[in-house]
Amino acid sequence: MSTPSFVIRGASGAPSAPRWDRIDSRLLIAQARQVYFSYLSSTPAGHEPLGVVVDPQETDGRVVFETPVLLPDEEFIAIDLIRGRTSRGRSRWKG
């Protein structure tokens, strides 16, 4: 892999978590799930994605397999948030 000819400030490293206090998390995660499940229904089994990049102002997004560089209005939603908790992650009280 060659070194880039220029550097994009803020483009290195993993994308940060969305600012949940500034957005509607239910809508954002629902939008990411819609993009992810659309991808699953139209693509044969393959590599495991890292997550989905969505723009809260738009209705679409993209499934990503590498650390994405985000545009100012985009948010990265990790695959764990899209899939939800597993049954092992939930503690149930049986009384």
C-alpha atoms as a PDB file:
ATOM      1  CA  MET A   1       0.000   0.000   0.000  1.00  0.00           C
ATOM      2  CA  SER A   2       1.446   3.383  -0.954  1.00  0.00           C
ATOM      3  CA  THR A   3       1.398   6.538   1.125  1.00  0.00           C
ATOM      4  CA  PRO A   4      -1.189   9.145   0.141  1.00  0.00           C
ATOM      5  CA  SER A   5       0.031  12.244  -1.675  1.00  0.00           C
ATOM      6  CA  PHE A   6      -1.935  14.433   0.743  1.00  0.00           C
ATOM      7  CA  VAL A   7      -3.513  14.103   4.174  1.00  0.00           C
ATOM      8  CA  ILE A   8      -7.173  14.651   4.967  1.00  0.00           C
ATOM      9  CA  ARG A   9      -7.355  16.104   8.469  1.00  0.00           C
ATOM     10  CA  GLY A  10      -9.471  13.930  10.757  1.00  0.00           C
ATOM     11  CA  ALA A  11      -9.547  11.011   8.316  1.00  0.00           C
ATOM     12  CA  SER A  12      -7.239   8.716  10.243  1.00  0.00           C
ATOM     13  CA  GLY A  13      -8.333   6.200  12.830  1.00  0.00           C
ATOM     14  CA  ALA A  14     -11.686   4.638  13.517  1.00  0.00           C
ATOM     15  CA  PRO A  15     -14.831   6.725  13.118  1.00  0.00           C
ATOM     16  CA  SER A  16     -16.168   8.026  16.379  1.00  0.00           C
ATOM     17  CA  ALA A  17     -19.516   6.997  17.774  1.00  0.00           C
ATOM     18  CA  PRO A  18     -22.453   9.192  16.778  1.00  0.00           C
ATOM     19  CA  ARG A  19     -23.313  12.064  19.093  1.00  0.00           C
ATOM     20  CA  TRP A  20     -26.439  10.425  20.518  1.00  0.00           C
ATOM     21  CA  ASP A  21     -27.421  13.656  22.276  1.00  0.00           C
ATOM     22  CA  ARG A  22     -27.688  15.473  18.929  1.00  0.00           C
ATOM     23  CA  ILE A  23     -29.617  12.905  16.883  1.00  0.00           C
ATOM     24  CA  ASP A  24     -32.631  10.622  17.156  1.00  0.00           C
ATOM     25  CA  SER A  25     -30.919   7.297  17.816  1.00  0.00           C
ATOM     26  CA  ARG A  26     -34.037   5.219  17.103  1.00  0.00           C
ATOM     27  CA  LEU A  27     -34.411   6.671  13.630  1.00  0.00           C
ATOM     28  CA  LEU A  28     -30.699   6.462  12.852  1.00  0.00           C
ATOM     29  CA  ILE A  29     -30.390   2.820  13.913  1.00  0.00           C
ATOM     30  CA  ALA A  30     -33.637   1.948  12.089  1.00  0.00           C
ATOM     31  CA  GLN A  31     -32.243   3.590   8.941  1.00  0.00           C
ATOM     32  CA  ALA A  32     -28.977   1.633   9.294  1.00  0.00           C
ATOM     33  CA  ARG A  33     -30.910  -1.619   9.805  1.00  0.00           C
ATOM     34  CA  GLN A  34     -32.952  -0.991   6.675  1.00  0.00           C
ATOM     35  CA  VAL A  35     -29.764  -0.473   4.635  1.00  0.00           C
ATOM     36  CA  TYR A  36     -28.107  -3.550   6.177  1.00  0.00           C
ATOM     37  CA  PHE A  37     -31.071  -5.888   5.700  1.00  0.00           C
ATOM     38  CA  SER A  38     -31.528  -4.655   2.129  1.00  0.00           C
ATOM     39  CA  TYR A  39     -27.874  -5.537   1.559  1.00  0.00           C
ATOM     40  CA  LEU A  40     -28.389  -9.004   3.091  1.00  0.00           C
ATOM     41  CA  SER A  41     -31.423  -9.740   0.940  1.00  0.00           C
ATOM     42  CA  SER A  42     -29.730  -8.733  -2.313  1.00  0.00           C
ATOM     43  CA  THR A  43     -26.187 -10.044  -1.814  1.00  0.00           C
ATOM     44  CA  PRO A  44     -24.929 -13.607  -1.446  1.00  0.00           C
ATOM     45  CA  ALA A  45     -23.037 -14.476   1.735  1.00  0.00           C
ATOM     46  CA  GLY A  46     -19.612 -12.917   1.879  1.00  0.00           C
ATOM     47  CA  HIS A  47     -17.376 -10.880   4.123  1.00  0.00           C
ATOM     48  CA  GLU A  48     -18.614  -9.594   7.450  1.00  0.00           C
ATOM     49  CA  PRO A  49     -19.269  -5.824   7.280  1.00  0.00           C
ATOM     50  CA  LEU A  50     -17.992  -3.383   9.916  1.00  0.00           C
ATOM     51  CA  GLY A  51     -21.211  -1.405   9.858  1.00  0.00           C
ATOM     52  CA  VAL A  52     -23.273   1.054   7.875  1.00  0.00           C
ATOM     53  CA  VAL A  53     -22.687   4.698   7.008  1.00  0.00           C
ATOM     54  CA  VAL A  54     -25.872   6.766   6.904  1.00  0.00           C
ATOM     55  CA  ASP A  55     -26.761  10.405   6.459  1.00  0.00           C
ATOM     56  CA  PRO A  56     -29.648  11.343   8.799  1.00  0.00           C
ATOM     57  CA  GLN A  57     -30.917  13.815   6.168  1.00  0.00           C
ATOM     58  CA  GLU A  58     -31.109  11.120   3.432  1.00  0.00           C
ATOM     59  CA  THR A  59     -33.000   7.830   3.194  1.00  0.00           C
ATOM     60  CA  ASP A  60     -30.145   5.641   1.994  1.00  0.00           C
ATOM     61  CA  GLY A  61     -26.714   4.581   3.178  1.00  0.00           C
ATOM     62  CA  ARG A  62     -23.937   2.131   2.457  1.00  0.00           C
ATOM     63  CA  VAL A  63     -22.582  -1.031   4.035  1.00  0.00           C
ATOM     64  CA  VAL A  64     -18.845  -0.724   4.754  1.00  0.00           C
ATOM     65  CA  PHE A  65     -16.167  -3.385   5.126  1.00  0.00           C
ATOM     66  CA  GLU A  66     -13.249  -1.092   5.982  1.00  0.00           C
ATOM     67  CA  THR A  67     -12.934   1.893   8.287  1.00  0.00           C
ATOM     68  CA  PRO A  68     -14.810   4.654   6.437  1.00  0.00           C
ATOM     69  CA  VAL A  69     -13.921   8.288   5.955  1.00  0.00           C
ATOM     70  CA  LEU A  70     -17.091  10.174   6.803  1.00  0.00           C
ATOM     71  CA  LEU A  71     -18.503  13.275   5.209  1.00  0.00           C
ATOM     72  CA  PRO A  72     -19.591  15.983   7.690  1.00  0.00           C
ATOM     73  CA  ASP A  73     -23.250  14.892   7.819  1.00  0.00           C
ATOM     74  CA  GLU A  74     -22.628  11.133   7.834  1.00  0.00           C
ATOM     75  CA  GLU A  75     -22.717   8.812  10.825  1.00  0.00           C
ATOM     76  CA  PHE A  76     -21.124   5.367  11.190  1.00  0.00           C
ATOM     77  CA  ILE A  77     -23.305   2.764  12.891  1.00  0.00           C
ATOM     78  CA  ALA A  78     -21.393  -0.330  14.011  1.00  0.00           C
ATOM     79  CA  ILE A  79     -22.749  -3.746  13.103  1.00  0.00           C
ATOM     80  CA  ASP A  80     -23.311  -4.584  16.804  1.00  0.00           C
ATOM     81  CA  LEU A  81     -25.810  -1.728  17.125  1.00  0.00           C
ATOM     82  CA  ILE A  82     -27.579  -2.750  13.921  1.00  0.00           C
ATOM     83  CA  ARG A  83     -28.011  -6.353  14.943  1.00  0.00           C
ATOM     84  CA  GLY A  84     -29.040  -5.515  18.486  1.00  0.00           C
ATOM     85  CA  ARG A  85     -28.192  -7.415  21.600  1.00  0.00           C
ATOM     86  CA  THR A  86     -27.867 -11.167  21.620  1.00  0.00           C
ATOM     87  CA  SER A  87     -29.867 -13.247  24.066  1.00  0.00           C
ATOM     88  CA  ARG A  88     -26.635 -13.797  26.000  1.00  0.00           C
ATOM     89  CA  GLY A  89     -26.245 -10.048  26.458  1.00  0.00           C
ATOM     90  CA  ARG A  90     -29.640  -9.619  28.058  1.00  0.00           C
ATOM     91  CA  SER A  91     -30.137 -10.427  31.675  1.00  0.00           C
ATOM     92  CA  ARG A  92     -33.633 -11.687  32.366  1.00  0.00           C
ATOM     93  CA  TRP A  93     -35.150 -11.843  35.761  1.00  0.00           C
ATOM     94  CA  LYS A  94     -37.277 -14.925  36.328  1.00  0.00           C
ATOM     95  CA  GLY A  95     -39.356 -14.620  39.401  1.00  0.00           C
END
